[in-house]
Every structure is written in structure tokens, then in C-alpha cells.
Amino acid sequence: MNLRTVFKAQGIILILNAIGGLFLTSTFLSQAGWEVTPDLITLGQFTGMTFLVLAIYAWRLPDVASESIKPIGMLWAIGGLLFTIIIAYHILVGAVAGPTAYVNILITILFTIGFYFYSRD
């Protein structure tokens, strides 16, 4: 495995999240233990579009950045760490629950480690 593969794998996971947020919004949100409202569906769809944009970035960055990919990978590791912190906080305060939250934090931790490990000099 290398940094390019980590980016591509995260792109695939982000596409799956984008599909959930954009087209399966009620299911996507209710599995986090939330009461689905029209306002939350709007927010979920916006989040789904954000996942789609990030998926495109993750998929294309290795090709666009070429030899400069390692500093970008380290930035993505920092971003993954920040996402891990907020997901952990939401789990701890009970704002999210169920398998979705635990799978989400596990995947986020694995990608954070992957980006960090493969971005070091």
C-alpha cells in the first residue's frame, strides 16, 4: 500500500457516504440515532454533496499533486485527526449512537493513521 492507494480508498468511502447523504438521506441520518426532520434532510443532503466534493478531491489529488503528495497527505492526516476528535466527542456526549458512529470513527482513525504513516519522509 502507498499514499496514492490511501487517497483512492478514502475517495471510495466518501462516495458511499455521498450516496447515503444525497439519495438515502432519511436512512443515513436515522442510523446515527437522530430524529429525521425536513430541516435535517436538507442538512444531510448538503453534507452528502460535501462528501461528493471531498471524494473527487481524494480521488484526483494523487494525480494532480504527483511528487508533492506527501505534504498534502499530512494535511489530510491532520484533518482526519480533527474528524476523529469531533466524532469521539459526539459519541461521548451521546449526540450520536449505534453502529454508524462506531464504524465511522474506526474508519476515520484508520485513514488518519494511513495518511500519517505514508506521508512521513
Protein backbone atom coordinates (compact mmCIF):
# COMPACT_ATOMS: atom_id res chain seq x y z
CA MET A 1 0.00 0.00 0.00
CA ASN A 2 1.11 3.58 -0.59
CA LEU A 3 -0.24 7.10 -0.14
CA ARG A 4 -1.93 7.06 -3.54
CA THR A 5 -3.89 3.95 -2.51
CA VAL A 6 -4.95 5.58 0.78
CA PHE A 7 -6.31 8.58 -1.12
CA LYS A 8 -8.16 6.35 -3.60
CA ALA A 9 -9.63 4.18 -0.83
CA GLN A 10 -10.85 7.22 1.05
CA GLY A 11 -12.36 8.52 -2.18
CA ILE A 12 -14.42 5.32 -2.45
CA ILE A 13 -15.61 5.57 1.18
CA LEU A 14 -16.51 9.22 0.63
CA ILE A 15 -18.52 8.30 -2.49
CA LEU A 16 -20.50 5.78 -0.43
CA ASN A 17 -21.17 8.46 2.19
CA ALA A 18 -22.17 10.89 -0.57
CA ILE A 19 -24.71 8.40 -1.93
CA GLY A 20 -26.11 7.92 1.58
CA GLY A 21 -26.34 11.64 2.22
CA LEU A 22 -27.78 12.57 -1.16
CA PHE A 23 -30.12 9.71 -2.03
CA LEU A 24 -30.76 7.70 1.15
CA THR A 25 -30.87 10.69 3.45
CA SER A 26 -33.52 9.52 5.94
CA THR A 27 -31.89 6.13 6.40
CA PHE A 28 -28.41 7.65 6.54
CA LEU A 29 -29.41 10.06 9.32
CA SER A 30 -31.68 7.78 11.32
CA GLN A 31 -28.89 5.20 11.65
CA ALA A 32 -26.99 7.80 13.66
CA GLY A 33 -29.83 7.80 16.17
CA TRP A 34 -31.32 11.10 15.00
CA GLU A 35 -34.95 12.04 14.54
CA VAL A 36 -35.27 12.85 10.86
CA THR A 37 -36.93 16.19 10.11
CA PRO A 38 -37.24 18.13 6.83
CA ASP A 39 -34.53 20.52 8.04
CA LEU A 40 -32.21 17.65 8.91
CA ILE A 41 -32.82 16.09 5.48
CA THR A 42 -31.71 19.38 3.89
CA LEU A 43 -28.58 19.41 6.03
CA GLY A 44 -27.95 15.73 5.27
CA GLN A 45 -28.17 16.34 1.53
CA PHE A 46 -25.80 19.29 1.80
CA THR A 47 -23.41 17.08 3.75
CA GLY A 48 -23.78 14.40 1.07
CA MET A 49 -22.72 16.92 -1.58
CA THR A 50 -19.75 17.88 0.60
CA PHE A 51 -18.78 14.19 0.75
CA LEU A 52 -19.00 14.04 -3.04
CA VAL A 53 -16.69 17.03 -3.48
CA LEU A 54 -14.20 15.57 -0.99
CA ALA A 55 -14.39 12.22 -2.80
CA ILE A 56 -13.44 13.90 -6.07
CA TYR A 57 -10.55 15.68 -4.35
CA ALA A 58 -9.35 12.47 -2.69
CA TRP A 59 -9.51 10.57 -5.97
CA ARG A 60 -7.74 13.21 -8.05
CA LEU A 61 -5.15 14.63 -5.63
CA PRO A 62 -2.55 11.88 -6.13
CA ASP A 63 -2.56 12.53 -9.89
CA VAL A 64 -2.60 16.32 -9.65
CA ALA A 65 -0.04 16.66 -6.84
CA SER A 66 2.28 13.95 -8.21
CA GLU A 67 5.58 14.18 -6.31
CA SER A 68 4.22 16.78 -3.87
CA ILE A 69 1.60 14.40 -2.46
CA LYS A 70 3.28 13.79 0.91
CA PRO A 71 2.66 17.27 2.40
CA ILE A 72 -0.96 17.06 1.21
CA GLY A 73 -1.28 13.61 2.78
CA MET A 74 -0.06 15.04 6.09
CA LEU A 75 -2.73 17.76 5.86
CA TRP A 76 -5.34 15.03 5.32
CA ALA A 77 -3.95 13.21 8.37
CA ILE A 78 -4.48 16.36 10.44
CA GLY A 79 -8.00 16.67 9.04
CA GLY A 80 -8.65 13.03 9.92
CA LEU A 81 -7.43 13.66 13.47
CA LEU A 82 -9.82 16.60 13.80
CA PHE A 83 -12.72 14.50 12.48
CA THR A 84 -11.77 11.72 14.93
CA ILE A 85 -11.87 14.20 17.82
CA ILE A 86 -15.32 15.55 16.94
CA ILE A 87 -16.77 12.08 16.32
CA ALA A 88 -15.37 10.88 19.66
CA TYR A 89 -16.83 13.91 21.40
CA HIS A 90 -20.26 13.29 19.86
CA ILE A 91 -20.13 9.64 20.93
CA LEU A 92 -19.10 10.58 24.47
CA VAL A 93 -21.88 13.16 24.94
CA GLY A 94 -24.48 10.88 23.35
CA ALA A 95 -25.13 13.09 20.33
CA VAL A 96 -24.63 10.08 18.03
CA ALA A 97 -25.07 6.41 18.76
CA GLY A 98 -25.20 2.98 17.24
CA PRO A 99 -23.04 1.12 14.78
CA THR A 100 -22.85 4.07 12.38
CA ALA A 101 -20.93 6.18 14.88
CA TYR A 102 -18.55 3.38 15.84
CA VAL A 103 -17.85 2.29 12.26
CA ASN A 104 -17.38 5.93 11.28
CA ILE A 105 -14.79 6.61 13.99
CA LEU A 106 -12.97 3.35 13.23
CA ILE A 107 -12.70 4.13 9.51
CA THR A 108 -11.65 7.70 10.26
CA ILE A 109 -8.91 6.53 12.63
CA LEU A 110 -7.62 4.02 10.08
CA PHE A 111 -7.45 6.64 7.33
CA THR A 112 -5.78 9.13 9.68
CA ILE A 113 -3.11 6.56 10.53
CA GLY A 114 -2.71 5.66 6.85
CA PHE A 115 -2.30 9.27 5.74
CA TYR A 116 0.16 9.96 8.55
CA PHE A 117 2.20 6.78 8.06
CA TYR A 118 2.56 7.11 4.28
CA SER A 119 3.17 10.89 4.36
CA ARG A 120 6.23 10.77 6.59
CA ASP A 121 9.60 11.36 4.97
